[in-house]
């Protein structure tokens, strides 16, 4: 799973198409499949929400 997350971060960082992922990552279809599942399952939205709330609490603001 770590390599999948690293592949997702690679695509986000460098903006490359999924099909051009370097060979050091899992096949692009596998990485994209996981990305789609996480996106469609609301994982990224939930993660963003919780990090936002945590940062507001850290700054002493109302969540």
N, C-alpha and C. Protein backbone atom coordinates (compact mmCIF):
# COMPACT_ATOMS: atom_id res chain seq x y z
N UNK A 1 0.83 -1.20 0.00
CA UNK A 1 0.00 0.00 0.00
C UNK A 1 0.87 1.26 0.00
N UNK A 2 2.03 1.15 0.63
CA UNK A 2 2.92 2.32 0.67
C UNK A 2 3.31 2.76 -0.74
N UNK A 3 3.62 1.80 -1.60
CA UNK A 3 4.02 2.15 -2.97
C UNK A 3 2.85 2.79 -3.73
N UNK A 4 1.64 2.39 -3.42
CA UNK A 4 0.47 3.00 -4.06
C UNK A 4 0.37 4.47 -3.66
N UNK A 5 0.51 4.74 -2.36
CA UNK A 5 0.45 6.12 -1.87
C UNK A 5 1.58 6.94 -2.48
N UNK A 6 2.76 6.35 -2.56
CA UNK A 6 3.89 7.06 -3.17
C UNK A 6 3.61 7.37 -4.65
N UNK A 7 2.96 6.44 -5.34
CA UNK A 7 2.59 6.68 -6.74
C UNK A 7 1.59 7.82 -6.85
N UNK A 8 0.60 7.85 -5.94
CA UNK A 8 -0.38 8.94 -5.94
C UNK A 8 0.30 10.28 -5.71
N UNK A 9 1.21 10.31 -4.75
CA UNK A 9 1.92 11.55 -4.46
C UNK A 9 2.82 11.96 -5.63
N UNK A 10 3.40 11.00 -6.31
CA UNK A 10 4.24 11.29 -7.46
C UNK A 10 3.42 11.98 -8.56
N UNK A 11 2.26 11.42 -8.84
CA UNK A 11 1.40 12.01 -9.88
C UNK A 11 0.97 13.42 -9.47
N UNK A 12 0.62 13.60 -8.20
CA UNK A 12 0.22 14.93 -7.72
C UNK A 12 1.38 15.92 -7.80
N UNK A 13 2.55 15.47 -7.41
CA UNK A 13 3.71 16.37 -7.36
C UNK A 13 4.19 16.77 -8.75
N UNK A 14 4.32 15.80 -9.64
CA UNK A 14 4.92 16.07 -10.94
C UNK A 14 3.89 16.29 -12.04
N UNK A 15 2.63 15.99 -11.78
CA UNK A 15 1.58 16.23 -12.76
C UNK A 15 1.67 15.34 -13.99
N UNK A 16 2.30 14.20 -13.85
CA UNK A 16 2.43 13.32 -15.01
C UNK A 16 1.15 12.49 -15.20
N UNK A 17 0.88 12.07 -16.41
CA UNK A 17 -0.26 11.18 -16.63
C UNK A 17 -0.03 9.83 -15.93
N UNK A 18 -1.11 9.20 -15.54
CA UNK A 18 -1.01 7.91 -14.85
C UNK A 18 -0.20 6.91 -15.66
N UNK A 19 -0.42 6.89 -16.95
CA UNK A 19 0.24 5.89 -17.80
C UNK A 19 1.75 6.09 -17.89
N UNK A 20 2.25 7.24 -17.46
CA UNK A 20 3.68 7.50 -17.52
C UNK A 20 4.38 7.36 -16.16
N UNK A 21 3.72 6.69 -15.22
CA UNK A 21 4.38 6.42 -13.94
C UNK A 21 5.66 5.62 -14.19
N UNK A 22 6.74 5.97 -13.51
CA UNK A 22 7.98 5.19 -13.68
C UNK A 22 7.77 3.72 -13.28
N UNK A 23 8.62 2.87 -13.80
CA UNK A 23 8.52 1.43 -13.53
C UNK A 23 8.77 1.07 -12.07
N UNK A 24 9.32 2.00 -11.30
CA UNK A 24 9.59 1.71 -9.89
C UNK A 24 8.31 1.70 -9.05
N UNK A 25 7.21 2.15 -9.64
CA UNK A 25 5.91 2.13 -8.97
C UNK A 25 5.10 0.94 -9.47
N UNK A 26 4.01 0.63 -8.77
CA UNK A 26 3.12 -0.42 -9.27
C UNK A 26 2.56 -0.02 -10.64
N UNK A 27 1.98 -0.96 -11.37
CA UNK A 27 1.40 -0.61 -12.68
C UNK A 27 0.41 0.55 -12.54
N UNK A 28 0.35 1.38 -13.57
CA UNK A 28 -0.47 2.58 -13.50
C UNK A 28 -1.94 2.24 -13.24
N UNK A 29 -2.42 1.15 -13.79
CA UNK A 29 -3.81 0.76 -13.59
C UNK A 29 -4.12 0.44 -12.14
N UNK A 30 -3.17 -0.16 -11.46
CA UNK A 30 -3.33 -0.47 -10.04
C UNK A 30 -3.36 0.82 -9.23
N UNK A 31 -2.41 1.70 -9.49
CA UNK A 31 -2.35 2.96 -8.75
C UNK A 31 -3.60 3.80 -9.01
N UNK A 32 -4.02 3.87 -10.27
CA UNK A 32 -5.21 4.66 -10.59
C UNK A 32 -6.47 4.03 -10.00
N UNK A 33 -6.52 2.71 -10.00
CA UNK A 33 -7.66 2.02 -9.40
C UNK A 33 -7.82 2.36 -7.93
N UNK A 34 -6.71 2.35 -7.21
CA UNK A 34 -6.76 2.71 -5.79
C UNK A 34 -7.14 4.18 -5.62
N UNK A 35 -6.57 5.04 -6.45
CA UNK A 35 -6.92 6.45 -6.39
C UNK A 35 -8.43 6.64 -6.58
N UNK A 36 -8.98 5.96 -7.56
CA UNK A 36 -10.42 6.07 -7.84
C UNK A 36 -11.25 5.59 -6.66
N UNK A 37 -10.85 4.47 -6.07
CA UNK A 37 -11.58 3.94 -4.91
C UNK A 37 -11.54 4.92 -3.73
N UNK A 38 -10.36 5.48 -3.47
CA UNK A 38 -10.23 6.42 -2.36
C UNK A 38 -11.01 7.70 -2.63
N UNK A 39 -10.94 8.18 -3.87
CA UNK A 39 -11.68 9.39 -4.25
C UNK A 39 -13.18 9.17 -4.15
N UNK A 40 -13.65 8.09 -4.75
CA UNK A 40 -15.09 7.83 -4.77
C UNK A 40 -15.63 7.48 -3.38
N UNK A 41 -14.78 6.94 -2.52
CA UNK A 41 -15.19 6.59 -1.16
C UNK A 41 -15.16 7.78 -0.21
N UNK A 42 -14.75 8.94 -0.69
CA UNK A 42 -14.73 10.14 0.14
C UNK A 42 -13.55 10.22 1.10
N UNK A 43 -12.55 9.39 0.90
CA UNK A 43 -11.41 9.37 1.82
C UNK A 43 -10.65 10.68 1.78
N UNK A 44 -10.44 11.24 0.60
CA UNK A 44 -9.68 12.49 0.50
C UNK A 44 -10.45 13.65 1.12
N UNK A 45 -11.76 13.69 0.91
CA UNK A 45 -12.58 14.74 1.52
C UNK A 45 -12.54 14.64 3.04
N UNK A 46 -12.67 13.43 3.54
CA UNK A 46 -12.65 13.21 4.99
C UNK A 46 -11.30 13.60 5.58
N UNK A 47 -10.24 13.19 4.92
CA UNK A 47 -8.90 13.53 5.39
C UNK A 47 -8.70 15.04 5.40
N UNK A 48 -9.12 15.71 4.34
CA UNK A 48 -9.00 17.16 4.27
C UNK A 48 -9.80 17.83 5.39
N UNK A 49 -11.01 17.35 5.63
CA UNK A 49 -11.86 17.92 6.68
C UNK A 49 -11.20 17.78 8.06
N UNK A 50 -10.71 16.59 8.36
CA UNK A 50 -10.10 16.36 9.67
C UNK A 50 -8.81 17.16 9.86
N UNK A 51 -8.01 17.26 8.82
CA UNK A 51 -6.79 18.05 8.92
C UNK A 51 -7.11 19.54 9.09
N UNK A 52 -8.13 20.01 8.39
CA UNK A 52 -8.56 21.39 8.52
C UNK A 52 -9.03 21.69 9.94
N UNK A 53 -9.86 20.80 10.48
CA UNK A 53 -10.36 20.98 11.84
C UNK A 53 -9.22 20.96 12.86
N UNK A 54 -8.29 20.06 12.66
CA UNK A 54 -7.16 19.95 13.58
C UNK A 54 -6.29 21.21 13.54
N UNK A 55 -6.08 21.75 12.35
CA UNK A 55 -5.28 22.96 12.22
C UNK A 55 -5.98 24.15 12.87
N UNK A 56 -7.29 24.24 12.70
CA UNK A 56 -8.04 25.33 13.33
C UNK A 56 -7.94 25.22 14.86
N UNK A 57 -8.04 24.01 15.38
CA UNK A 57 -7.92 23.82 16.83
C UNK A 57 -6.52 24.20 17.30
N UNK A 58 -5.52 23.85 16.51
CA UNK A 58 -4.14 24.20 16.86
C UNK A 58 -3.95 25.71 16.95
N UNK A 59 -4.65 26.43 16.08
CA UNK A 59 -4.54 27.89 16.06
C UNK A 59 -5.47 28.56 17.07
N UNK A 60 -6.24 27.76 17.80
CA UNK A 60 -7.14 28.31 18.80
C UNK A 60 -8.42 28.88 18.23
N UNK A 61 -8.78 28.45 17.04
CA UNK A 61 -10.00 28.92 16.40
C UNK A 61 -11.10 27.88 16.55
N UNK A 62 -12.32 28.34 16.43
CA UNK A 62 -13.45 27.41 16.54
C UNK A 62 -13.46 26.48 15.33
N UNK A 63 -13.61 25.20 15.59
CA UNK A 63 -13.65 24.26 14.46
C UNK A 63 -14.92 24.45 13.69
